[in-house]
PDB file of all heavy atoms in Angstrom:
ATOM      1  N   ASN A   1       6.468 -11.827  22.408  1.00  0.00           N
ATOM      2  CA  ASN A   1       5.514 -11.533  23.471  1.00  0.00           C
ATOM      3  C   ASN A   1       4.687 -10.286  23.180  1.00  0.00           C
ATOM      4  O   ASN A   1       3.822  -9.916  23.970  1.00  0.00           O
ATOM      5  CB  ASN A   1       6.246 -11.363  24.804  1.00  0.00           C
ATOM      6  CG  ASN A   1       6.911 -12.645  25.257  1.00  0.00           C
ATOM      7  OD1 ASN A   1       6.287 -13.702  25.251  1.00  0.00           O
ATOM      8  ND2 ASN A   1       8.179 -12.560  25.626  1.00  0.00           N
ATOM      9  N   ARG A   2       4.969  -9.647  22.043  1.00  0.00           N
ATOM     10  CA  ARG A   2       4.221  -8.433  21.675  1.00  0.00           C
ATOM     11  C   ARG A   2       3.801  -8.499  20.205  1.00  0.00           C
ATOM     12  O   ARG A   2       4.098  -7.609  19.418  1.00  0.00           O
ATOM     13  CB  ARG A   2       5.071  -7.188  21.954  1.00  0.00           C
ATOM     14  CG  ARG A   2       5.308  -6.916  23.434  1.00  0.00           C
ATOM     15  CD  ARG A   2       5.968  -5.557  23.657  1.00  0.00           C
ATOM     16  NE  ARG A   2       7.337  -5.529  23.161  1.00  0.00           N
ATOM     17  CZ  ARG A   2       8.039  -4.409  22.955  1.00  0.00           C
ATOM     18  NH1 ARG A   2       7.472  -3.225  23.161  1.00  0.00           N
ATOM     19  NH2 ARG A   2       9.285  -4.460  22.532  1.00  0.00           N
ATOM     20  N   ILE A   3       3.086  -9.565  19.859  1.00  0.00           N
ATOM     21  CA  ILE A   3       2.536  -9.714  18.516  1.00  0.00           C
ATOM     22  C   ILE A   3       1.081  -9.256  18.530  1.00  0.00           C
ATOM     23  O   ILE A   3       0.280  -9.689  19.368  1.00  0.00           O
ATOM     24  CB  ILE A   3       2.613 -11.173  18.034  1.00  0.00           C
ATOM     25  CG1 ILE A   3       4.065 -11.651  17.984  1.00  0.00           C
ATOM     26  CG2 ILE A   3       1.961 -11.326  16.661  1.00  0.00           C
ATOM     27  CD1 ILE A   3       4.214 -13.135  17.660  1.00  0.00           C
ATOM     28  N   VAL A   4       0.741  -8.384  17.608  1.00  0.00           N
ATOM     29  CA  VAL A   4      -0.622  -7.850  17.474  1.00  0.00           C
ATOM     30  C   VAL A   4      -1.142  -8.230  16.088  1.00  0.00           C
ATOM     31  O   VAL A   4      -0.388  -8.216  15.116  1.00  0.00           O
ATOM     32  CB  VAL A   4      -0.619  -6.316  17.637  1.00  0.00           C
ATOM     33  CG1 VAL A   4      -2.012  -5.733  17.406  1.00  0.00           C
ATOM     34  CG2 VAL A   4      -0.084  -5.925  19.015  1.00  0.00           C
ATOM     35  N   THR A   5      -2.410  -8.588  15.999  1.00  0.00           N
ATOM     36  CA  THR A   5      -3.041  -8.784  14.695  1.00  0.00           C
ATOM     37  C   THR A   5      -4.069  -7.681  14.478  1.00  0.00           C
ATOM     38  O   THR A   5      -4.746  -7.247  15.413  1.00  0.00           O
ATOM     39  CB  THR A   5      -3.724 -10.157  14.578  1.00  0.00           C
ATOM     40  OG1 THR A   5      -4.750 -10.276  15.579  1.00  0.00           O
ATOM     41  CG2 THR A   5      -2.718 -11.286  14.759  1.00  0.00           C
ATOM     42  N   THR A   6      -4.188  -7.232  13.223  1.00  0.00           N
ATOM     43  CA  THR A   6      -5.159  -6.181  12.922  1.00  0.00           C
ATOM     44  C   THR A   6      -5.607  -6.295  11.478  1.00  0.00           C
ATOM     45  O   THR A   6      -4.900  -6.827  10.622  1.00  0.00           O
ATOM     46  CB  THR A   6      -4.576  -4.780  13.189  1.00  0.00           C
ATOM     47  OG1 THR A   6      -5.626  -3.807  13.074  1.00  0.00           O
ATOM     48  CG2 THR A   6      -3.476  -4.425  12.197  1.00  0.00           C
ATOM     49  N   GLY A   7      -6.798  -5.779  11.207  1.00  0.00           N
ATOM     50  CA  GLY A   7      -7.340  -5.741   9.855  1.00  0.00           C
ATOM     51  C   GLY A   7      -8.750  -5.199   9.887  1.00  0.00           C
ATOM     52  O   GLY A   7      -9.347  -5.030  10.962  1.00  0.00           O
ATOM     53  N   GLY A   8      -9.274  -4.899   8.692  1.00  0.00           N
ATOM     54  CA  GLY A   8     -10.613  -4.351   8.594  1.00  0.00           C
ATOM     55  C   GLY A   8     -11.524  -5.223   7.764  1.00  0.00           C
ATOM     56  O   GLY A   8     -11.102  -5.826   6.780  1.00  0.00           O
ATOM     57  N   SER A   9     -12.798  -5.337   8.174  1.00  0.00           N
ATOM     58  CA  SER A   9     -13.797  -6.117   7.454  1.00  0.00           C
ATOM     59  C   SER A   9     -13.406  -7.598   7.458  1.00  0.00           C
ATOM     60  O   SER A   9     -13.241  -8.177   8.524  1.00  0.00           O
ATOM     61  CB  SER A   9     -13.976  -5.557   6.042  1.00  0.00           C
ATOM     62  OG  SER A   9     -15.099  -6.098   5.411  1.00  0.00           O
ATOM     63  N   ALA A  10     -13.228  -8.211   6.278  1.00  0.00           N
ATOM     64  CA  ALA A  10     -12.736  -9.593   6.270  1.00  0.00           C
ATOM     65  C   ALA A  10     -11.366  -9.669   6.907  1.00  0.00           C
ATOM     66  O   ALA A  10     -11.005 -10.689   7.518  1.00  0.00           O
ATOM     67  CB  ALA A  10     -12.689 -10.128   4.846  1.00  0.00           C
ATOM     68  N   GLY A  11     -10.573  -8.581   6.795  1.00  0.00           N
ATOM     69  CA  GLY A  11      -9.284  -8.540   7.482  1.00  0.00           C
ATOM     70  C   GLY A  11      -9.448  -8.502   8.991  1.00  0.00           C
ATOM     71  O   GLY A  11      -8.626  -9.048   9.731  1.00  0.00           O
ATOM     72  N   GLY A  12     -10.505  -7.846   9.475  1.00  0.00           N
ATOM     73  CA  GLY A  12     -10.801  -7.873  10.896  1.00  0.00           C
ATOM     74  C   GLY A  12     -11.168  -9.280  11.350  1.00  0.00           C
ATOM     75  O   GLY A  12     -10.745  -9.739  12.412  1.00  0.00           O
ATOM     76  N   HIS A  13     -11.987  -9.953  10.529  1.00  0.00           N
ATOM     77  CA  HIS A  13     -12.323 -11.346  10.813  1.00  0.00           C
ATOM     78  C   HIS A  13     -11.057 -12.198  10.894  1.00  0.00           C
ATOM     79  O   HIS A  13     -10.873 -12.997  11.829  1.00  0.00           O
ATOM     80  CB  HIS A  13     -13.249 -11.891   9.723  1.00  0.00           C
ATOM     81  CG  HIS A  13     -13.355 -13.383   9.695  1.00  0.00           C
ATOM     82  ND1 HIS A  13     -12.560 -14.156   8.868  1.00  0.00           N
ATOM     83  CD2 HIS A  13     -14.149 -14.259  10.378  1.00  0.00           C
ATOM     84  CE1 HIS A  13     -12.851 -15.435   9.054  1.00  0.00           C
ATOM     85  NE2 HIS A  13     -13.812 -15.519   9.955  1.00  0.00           N
ATOM     86  N   LEU A  14     -10.151 -12.016   9.937  1.00  0.00           N
ATOM     87  CA  LEU A  14      -8.934 -12.827   9.911  1.00  0.00           C
ATOM     88  C   LEU A  14      -7.976 -12.444  11.031  1.00  0.00           C
ATOM     89  O   LEU A  14      -7.235 -13.302  11.542  1.00  0.00           O
ATOM     90  CB  LEU A  14      -8.262 -12.704   8.544  1.00  0.00           C
ATOM     91  CG  LEU A  14      -9.072 -13.317   7.396  1.00  0.00           C
ATOM     92  CD1 LEU A  14      -8.479 -12.922   6.045  1.00  0.00           C
ATOM     93  CD2 LEU A  14      -9.155 -14.840   7.521  1.00  0.00           C
ATOM     94  N   ALA A  15      -7.976 -11.169  11.430  1.00  0.00           N
ATOM     95  CA  ALA A  15      -7.188 -10.788  12.602  1.00  0.00           C
ATOM     96  C   ALA A  15      -7.714 -11.501  13.846  1.00  0.00           C
ATOM     97  O   ALA A  15      -6.934 -11.959  14.693  1.00  0.00           O
ATOM     98  CB  ALA A  15      -7.234  -9.273  12.792  1.00  0.00           C
ATOM     99  N   LEU A  16      -9.037 -11.608  13.949  1.00  0.00           N
ATOM    100  CA  LEU A  16      -9.636 -12.311  15.090  1.00  0.00           C
ATOM    101  C   LEU A  16      -9.333 -13.805  15.051  1.00  0.00           C
ATOM    102  O   LEU A  16      -8.918 -14.395  16.062  1.00  0.00           O
ATOM    103  CB  LEU A  16     -11.150 -12.082  15.100  1.00  0.00           C
ATOM    104  CG  LEU A  16     -11.616 -10.683  15.518  1.00  0.00           C
ATOM    105  CD1 LEU A  16     -13.073 -10.462  15.127  1.00  0.00           C
ATOM    106  CD2 LEU A  16     -11.426 -10.466  17.019  1.00  0.00           C
ATOM    107  N   THR A  17      -9.547 -14.438  13.896  1.00  0.00           N
ATOM    108  CA  THR A  17      -9.302 -15.890  13.840  1.00  0.00           C
ATOM    109  C   THR A  17      -7.825 -16.197  14.048  1.00  0.00           C
ATOM    110  O   THR A  17      -7.477 -17.184  14.709  1.00  0.00           O
ATOM    111  CB  THR A  17      -9.776 -16.480  12.502  1.00  0.00           C
ATOM    112  OG1 THR A  17      -9.126 -15.803  11.408  1.00  0.00           O
ATOM    113  CG2 THR A  17     -11.276 -16.348  12.343  1.00  0.00           C
ATOM    114  N   THR A  18      -6.950 -15.348  13.518  1.00  0.00           N
ATOM    115  CA  THR A  18      -5.515 -15.579  13.696  1.00  0.00           C
ATOM    116  C   THR A  18      -5.132 -15.519  15.169  1.00  0.00           C
ATOM    117  O   THR A  18      -4.305 -16.314  15.637  1.00  0.00           O
ATOM    118  CB  THR A  18      -4.705 -14.541  12.894  1.00  0.00           C
ATOM    119  OG1 THR A  18      -5.051 -14.653  11.510  1.00  0.00           O
ATOM    120  CG2 THR A  18      -3.207 -14.773  13.043  1.00  0.00           C
ATOM    121  N   GLY A  19      -5.738 -14.595  15.901  1.00  0.00           N
ATOM    122  CA  GLY A  19      -5.397 -14.450  17.307  1.00  0.00           C
ATOM    123  C   GLY A  19      -6.160 -15.340  18.261  1.00  0.00           C
ATOM    124  O   GLY A  19      -5.659 -15.658  19.343  1.00  0.00           O
ATOM    125  N   LEU A  20      -7.361 -15.770  17.883  1.00  0.00           N
ATOM    126  CA  LEU A  20      -8.210 -16.546  18.796  1.00  0.00           C
ATOM    127  C   LEU A  20      -8.095 -18.057  18.622  1.00  0.00           C
ATOM    128  O   LEU A  20      -8.332 -18.815  19.557  1.00  0.00           O
ATOM    129  CB  LEU A  20      -9.678 -16.137  18.617  1.00  0.00           C
ATOM    130  CG  LEU A  20     -10.064 -14.707  19.005  1.00  0.00           C
ATOM    131  CD1 LEU A  20     -11.525 -14.445  18.660  1.00  0.00           C
ATOM    132  CD2 LEU A  20      -9.808 -14.445  20.486  1.00  0.00           C
ATOM    133  N   LEU A  21      -7.775 -18.508  17.406  1.00  0.00           N
ATOM    134  CA  LEU A  21      -7.718 -19.950  17.153  1.00  0.00           C
ATOM    135  C   LEU A  21      -6.571 -20.614  17.918  1.00  0.00           C
ATOM    136  O   LEU A  21      -5.558 -19.978  18.249  1.00  0.00           O
ATOM    137  CB  LEU A  21      -7.538 -20.223  15.660  1.00  0.00           C
ATOM    138  CG  LEU A  21      -8.805 -20.204  14.798  1.00  0.00           C
ATOM    139  CD1 LEU A  21      -8.429 -20.216  13.323  1.00  0.00           C
ATOM    140  CD2 LEU A  21      -9.716 -21.382  15.135  1.00  0.00           C
ATOM    141  N   THR A  22      -6.722 -21.893  18.156  1.00  0.00           N
ATOM    142  CA  THR A  22      -5.647 -22.722  18.702  1.00  0.00           C
ATOM    143  C   THR A  22      -5.357 -23.842  17.708  1.00  0.00           C
ATOM    144  O   THR A  22      -6.191 -24.149  16.843  1.00  0.00           O
ATOM    145  CB  THR A  22      -6.055 -23.326  20.054  1.00  0.00           C
ATOM    146  OG1 THR A  22      -7.151 -24.234  19.849  1.00  0.00           O
ATOM    147  CG2 THR A  22      -6.467 -22.232  21.037  1.00  0.00           C
ATOM    148  N   PRO A  23      -4.195 -24.479  17.807  1.00  0.00           N
ATOM    149  CA  PRO A  23      -3.874 -25.568  16.872  1.00  0.00           C
ATOM    150  C   PRO A  23      -4.891 -26.702  16.879  1.00  0.00           C
ATOM    151  O   PRO A  23      -5.050 -27.402  15.879  1.00  0.00           O
ATOM    152  CB  PRO A  23      -2.501 -26.045  17.362  1.00  0.00           C
ATOM    153  CG  PRO A  23      -1.903 -24.854  18.038  1.00  0.00           C
ATOM    154  CD  PRO A  23      -3.058 -24.161  18.695  1.00  0.00           C
ATOM    155  N   GLU A  24      -5.598 -26.868  17.995  1.00  0.00           N
ATOM    156  CA  GLU A  24      -6.569 -27.953  18.077  1.00  0.00           C
ATOM    157  C   GLU A  24      -7.703 -27.810  17.070  1.00  0.00           C
ATOM    158  O   GLU A  24      -8.387 -28.800  16.751  1.00  0.00           O
ATOM    159  CB  GLU A  24      -7.153 -28.037  19.501  1.00  0.00           C
ATOM    160  CG  GLU A  24      -6.207 -28.624  20.527  1.00  0.00           C
ATOM    161  CD  GLU A  24      -5.112 -27.661  20.968  1.00  0.00           C
ATOM    162  OE1 GLU A  24      -5.242 -26.438  20.706  1.00  0.00           O
ATOM    163  OE2 GLU A  24      -4.126 -28.113  21.578  1.00  0.00           O
ATOM    164  N   ALA A  25      -7.928 -26.616  16.553  1.00  0.00           N
ATOM    165  CA  ALA A  25      -8.972 -26.428  15.544  1.00  0.00           C
ATOM    166  C   ALA A  25      -8.626 -27.104  14.229  1.00  0.00           C
ATOM    167  O   ALA A  25      -9.494 -27.312  13.375  1.00  0.00           O
ATOM    168  CB  ALA A  25      -9.214 -24.936  15.319  1.00  0.00           C
ATOM    169  N   GLY A  26      -7.347 -27.445  14.042  1.00  0.00           N
ATOM    170  CA  GLY A  26      -6.924 -28.177  12.850  1.00  0.00           C
ATOM    171  C   GLY A  26      -6.633 -27.308  11.645  1.00  0.00           C
ATOM    172  O   GLY A  26      -6.408 -27.827  10.548  1.00  0.00           O
ATOM    173  N   LEU A  27      -6.584 -25.988  11.828  1.00  0.00           N
ATOM    174  CA  LEU A  27      -6.380 -25.092  10.692  1.00  0.00           C
ATOM    175  C   LEU A  27      -4.933 -24.629  10.550  1.00  0.00           C
ATOM    176  O   LEU A  27      -4.633 -23.794   9.705  1.00  0.00           O
ATOM    177  CB  LEU A  27      -7.313 -23.885  10.816  1.00  0.00           C
ATOM    178  CG  LEU A  27      -8.808 -24.234  10.758  1.00  0.00           C
ATOM    179  CD1 LEU A  27      -9.668 -23.005  11.021  1.00  0.00           C
ATOM    180  CD2 LEU A  27      -9.167 -24.860   9.420  1.00  0.00           C
ATOM    181  N   ASP A  28      -4.039 -25.186  11.368  1.00  0.00           N
ATOM    182  CA  ASP A  28      -2.612 -24.859  11.275  1.00  0.00           C
ATOM    183  C   ASP A  28      -1.819 -25.954  10.556  1.00  0.00           C
ATOM    184  O   ASP A  28      -0.605 -25.822  10.386  1.00  0.00           O
ATOM    185  CB  ASP A  28      -2.004 -24.689  12.671  1.00  0.00           C
ATOM    186  CG  ASP A  28      -2.583 -23.524  13.442  1.00  0.00           C
ATOM    187  OD1 ASP A  28      -3.650 -23.017  13.064  1.00  0.00           O
ATOM    188  OD2 ASP A  28      -1.966 -23.117  14.447  1.00  0.00           O
ATOM    189  N   ARG A  29      -2.477 -27.001  10.122  1.00  0.00           N
ATOM    190  CA  ARG A  29      -1.755 -28.187   9.671  1.00  0.00           C
ATOM    191  C   ARG A  29      -1.014 -27.995   8.360  1.00  0.00           C
ATOM    192  O   ARG A  29      -0.082 -28.732   8.057  1.00  0.00           O
ATOM    193  CB  ARG A  29      -2.728 -29.366   9.554  1.00  0.00           C
ATOM    194  CG  ARG A  29      -3.278 -29.813  10.914  1.00  0.00           C
ATOM    195  CD  ARG A  29      -4.395 -30.819  10.773  1.00  0.00           C
ATOM    196  NE  ARG A  29      -4.942 -31.171  12.075  1.00  0.00           N
ATOM    197  CZ  ARG A  29      -6.152 -31.685  12.257  1.00  0.00           C
ATOM    198  NH1 ARG A  29      -6.941 -31.892  11.207  1.00  0.00           N
ATOM    199  NH2 ARG A  29      -6.567 -31.977  13.462  1.00  0.00           N
ATOM    200  N   GLY A  30      -1.420 -26.998   7.563  1.00  0.00           N
ATOM    201  CA  GLY A  30      -0.736 -26.774   6.297  1.00  0.00           C
ATOM    202  C   GLY A  30       0.454 -25.842   6.403  1.00  0.00           C
ATOM    203  O   GLY A  30       1.114 -25.566   5.395  1.00  0.00           O
ATOM    204  N   CYS A  31       0.744 -25.359   7.605  1.00  0.00           N
ATOM    205  CA  CYS A  31       1.841 -24.402   7.770  1.00  0.00           C
ATOM    206  C   CYS A  31       3.189 -25.104   7.590  1.00  0.00           C
ATOM    207  O   CYS A  31       3.405 -26.197   8.110  1.00  0.00           O
ATOM    208  CB  CYS A  31       1.775 -23.739   9.145  1.00  0.00           C
ATOM    209  SG  CYS A  31       0.234 -22.843   9.434  1.00  0.00           S
ATOM    210  N   THR A  32       4.073 -24.454   6.862  1.00  0.00           N
ATOM    211  CA  THR A  32       5.384 -25.018   6.570  1.00  0.00           C
ATOM    212  C   THR A  32       6.259 -24.969   7.809  1.00  0.00           C
ATOM    213  O   THR A  32       6.445 -23.908   8.418  1.00  0.00           O
ATOM    214  CB  THR A  32       6.067 -24.230   5.438  1.00  0.00           C
ATOM    215  OG1 THR A  32       5.204 -24.223   4.301  1.00  0.00           O
ATOM    216  CG2 THR A  32       7.405 -24.845   5.071  1.00  0.00           C
ATOM    217  N   ALA A  33       6.813 -26.110   8.173  1.00  0.00           N
ATOM    218  CA  ALA A  33       7.712 -26.160   9.318  1.00  0.00           C
ATOM    219  C   ALA A  33       9.073 -25.597   8.936  1.00  0.00           C
ATOM    220  O   ALA A  33       9.507 -25.722   7.791  1.00  0.00           O
ATOM    221  CB  ALA A  33       7.875 -27.605   9.801  1.00  0.00           C
ATOM    222  N   PRO A  34       9.774 -24.938   9.870  1.00  0.00           N
ATOM    223  CA  PRO A  34      11.137 -24.489   9.578  1.00  0.00           C
ATOM    224  C   PRO A  34      12.014 -25.682   9.171  1.00  0.00           C
ATOM    225  O   PRO A  34      11.774 -26.818   9.593  1.00  0.00           O
ATOM    226  CB  PRO A  34      11.612 -23.890  10.909  1.00  0.00           C
ATOM    227  CG  PRO A  34      10.374 -23.612  11.680  1.00  0.00           C
ATOM    228  CD  PRO A  34       9.359 -24.630  11.245  1.00  0.00           C
ATOM    229  N   ASP A  35      13.017 -25.422   8.351  1.00  0.00           N
ATOM    230  CA  ASP A  35      13.875 -26.502   7.853  1.00  0.00           C
ATOM    231  C   ASP A  35      14.471 -27.331   8.969  1.00  0.00           C
ATOM    232  O   ASP A  35      14.602 -28.556   8.858  1.00  0.00           O
ATOM    233  CB  ASP A  35      14.996 -25.916   6.986  1.00  0.00           C
ATOM    234  CG  ASP A  35      14.467 -25.380   5.663  1.00  0.00           C
ATOM    235  OD1 ASP A  35      13.353 -25.766   5.270  1.00  0.00           O
ATOM    236  OD2 ASP A  35      15.172 -24.562   5.042  1.00  0.00           O
ATOM    237  N   ASN A  36      14.836 -26.679  10.084  1.00  0.00           N
ATOM    238  CA  ASN A  36      15.487 -27.415  11.164  1.00  0.00           C
ATOM    239  C   ASN A  36      14.516 -28.264  11.976  1.00  0.00           C
ATOM    240  O   ASN A  36      14.932 -29.066  12.815  1.00  0.00           O
ATOM    241  CB  ASN A  36      16.224 -26.451  12.096  1.00  0.00           C
ATOM    242  CG  ASN A  36      15.283 -25.480  12.789  1.00  0.00           C
ATOM    243  OD1 ASN A  36      14.291 -25.058  12.217  1.00  0.00           O
ATOM    244  ND2 ASN A  36      15.606 -25.120  14.013  1.00  0.00           N
ATOM    245  N   LEU A  37      13.203 -28.105  11.731  1.00  0.00           N
ATOM    246  CA  LEU A  37      12.212 -28.878  12.479  1.00  0.00           C
ATOM    247  C   LEU A  37      11.403 -29.827  11.604  1.00  0.00           C
ATOM    248  O   LEU A  37      10.644 -30.648  12.125  1.00  0.00           O
ATOM    249  CB  LEU A  37      11.235 -27.933  13.195  1.00  0.00           C
ATOM    250  CG  LEU A  37      11.824 -27.000  14.263  1.00  0.00           C
ATOM    251  CD1 LEU A  37      10.730 -26.110  14.828  1.00  0.00           C
ATOM    252  CD2 LEU A  37      12.504 -27.806  15.366  1.00  0.00           C
ATOM    253  N   ARG A  38      11.568 -29.731  10.302  1.00  0.00           N
ATOM    254  CA  ARG A  38      10.725 -30.503   9.383  1.00  0.00           C
ATOM    255  C   ARG A  38      10.808 -31.999   9.645  1.00  0.00           C
ATOM    256  O   ARG A  38       9.821 -32.721   9.500  1.00  0.00           O
ATOM    257  CB  ARG A  38      11.109 -30.183   7.947  1.00  0.00           C
ATOM    258  CG  ARG A  38      10.313 -30.978   6.910  1.00  0.00           C
ATOM    259  CD  ARG A  38      10.551 -30.432   5.530  1.00  0.00           C
ATOM    260  NE  ARG A  38       9.841 -29.177   5.334  1.00  0.00           N
ATOM    261  CZ  ARG A  38      10.131 -28.309   4.374  1.00  0.00           C
ATOM    262  NH1 ARG A  38      11.142 -28.520   3.563  1.00  0.00           N
ATOM    263  NH2 ARG A  38       9.410 -27.214   4.233  1.00  0.00           N
ATOM    264  N   TRP A  39      11.981 -32.471  10.037  1.00  0.00           N
ATOM    265  CA  TRP A  39      12.178 -33.913  10.208  1.00  0.00           C
ATOM    266  C   TRP A  39      12.121 -34.331  11.673  1.00  0.00           C
ATOM    267  O   TRP A  39      12.437 -35.468  12.015  1.00  0.00           O
ATOM    268  CB  TRP A  39      13.528 -34.322   9.606  1.00  0.00           C
ATOM    269  CG  TRP A  39      13.729 -33.715   8.251  1.00  0.00           C
ATOM    270  CD1 TRP A  39      14.612 -32.750   7.906  1.00  0.00           C
ATOM    271  CD2 TRP A  39      12.987 -34.018   7.060  1.00  0.00           C
ATOM    272  NE1 TRP A  39      14.478 -32.419   6.587  1.00  0.00           N
ATOM    273  CE2 TRP A  39      13.494 -33.174   6.031  1.00  0.00           C
ATOM    274  CE3 TRP A  39      11.943 -34.896   6.753  1.00  0.00           C
ATOM    275  CZ2 TRP A  39      13.000 -33.200   4.733  1.00  0.00           C
ATOM    276  CZ3 TRP A  39      11.448 -34.913   5.459  1.00  0.00           C
ATOM    277  CH2 TRP A  39      11.968 -34.075   4.476  1.00  0.00           C
ATOM    278  N   GLU A  40      11.710 -33.419  12.531  1.00  0.00           N
ATOM    279  CA  GLU A  40      11.654 -33.715  13.958  1.00  0.00           C
ATOM    280  C   GLU A  40      10.225 -34.037  14.383  1.00  0.00           C
ATOM    281  O   GLU A  40       9.284 -34.024  13.590  1.00  0.00           O
ATOM    282  CB  GLU A  40      12.173 -32.500  14.753  1.00  0.00           C
ATOM    283  CG  GLU A  40      13.589 -32.072  14.382  1.00  0.00           C
ATOM    284  CD  GLU A  40      14.616 -33.141  14.665  1.00  0.00           C
ATOM    285  OE1 GLU A  40      14.429 -33.893  15.639  1.00  0.00           O
ATOM    286  OE2 GLU A  40      15.610 -33.244  13.909  1.00  0.00           O
ATOM    287  N   ARG A  41      10.077 -34.301  15.677  1.00  0.00           N
ATOM    288  CA  ARG A  41       8.768 -34.591  16.242  1.00  0.00           C
ATOM    289  C   ARG A  41       7.811 -33.422  15.992  1.00  0.00           C
ATOM    290  O   ARG A  41       8.169 -32.265  16.179  1.00  0.00           O
ATOM    291  CB  ARG A  41       8.923 -34.839  17.746  1.00  0.00           C
ATOM    292  CG  ARG A  41       7.604 -35.048  18.484  1.00  0.00           C
ATOM    293  CD  ARG A  41       7.864 -35.307  19.956  1.00  0.00           C
ATOM    294  NE  ARG A  41       6.626 -35.238  20.711  1.00  0.00           N
ATOM    295  CZ  ARG A  41       6.556 -35.390  22.024  1.00  0.00           C
ATOM    296  NH1 ARG A  41       7.662 -35.593  22.720  1.00  0.00           N
ATOM    297  NH2 ARG A  41       5.394 -35.317  22.644  1.00  0.00           N
ATOM    298  N   ALA A  42       6.595 -33.754  15.590  1.00  0.00           N
ATOM    299  CA  ALA A  42       5.623 -32.725  15.203  1.00  0.00           C
ATOM    300  C   ALA A  42       4.763 -32.321  16.394  1.00  0.00           C
ATOM    301  O   ALA A  42       3.571 -32.618  16.464  1.00  0.00           O
ATOM    302  CB  ALA A  42       4.747 -33.223  14.062  1.00  0.00           C
TER     303      ALA A  42
END
């Protein structure tokens, strides 16, 4: 509940996209699922 993103320049851009994006944008699909969830409902 207390995760902060930060960075400068392109890092500032990535801090913003990391915090503002939602999964619906389709840019989270390559993220590795934890082992205990890999074979479960996505």
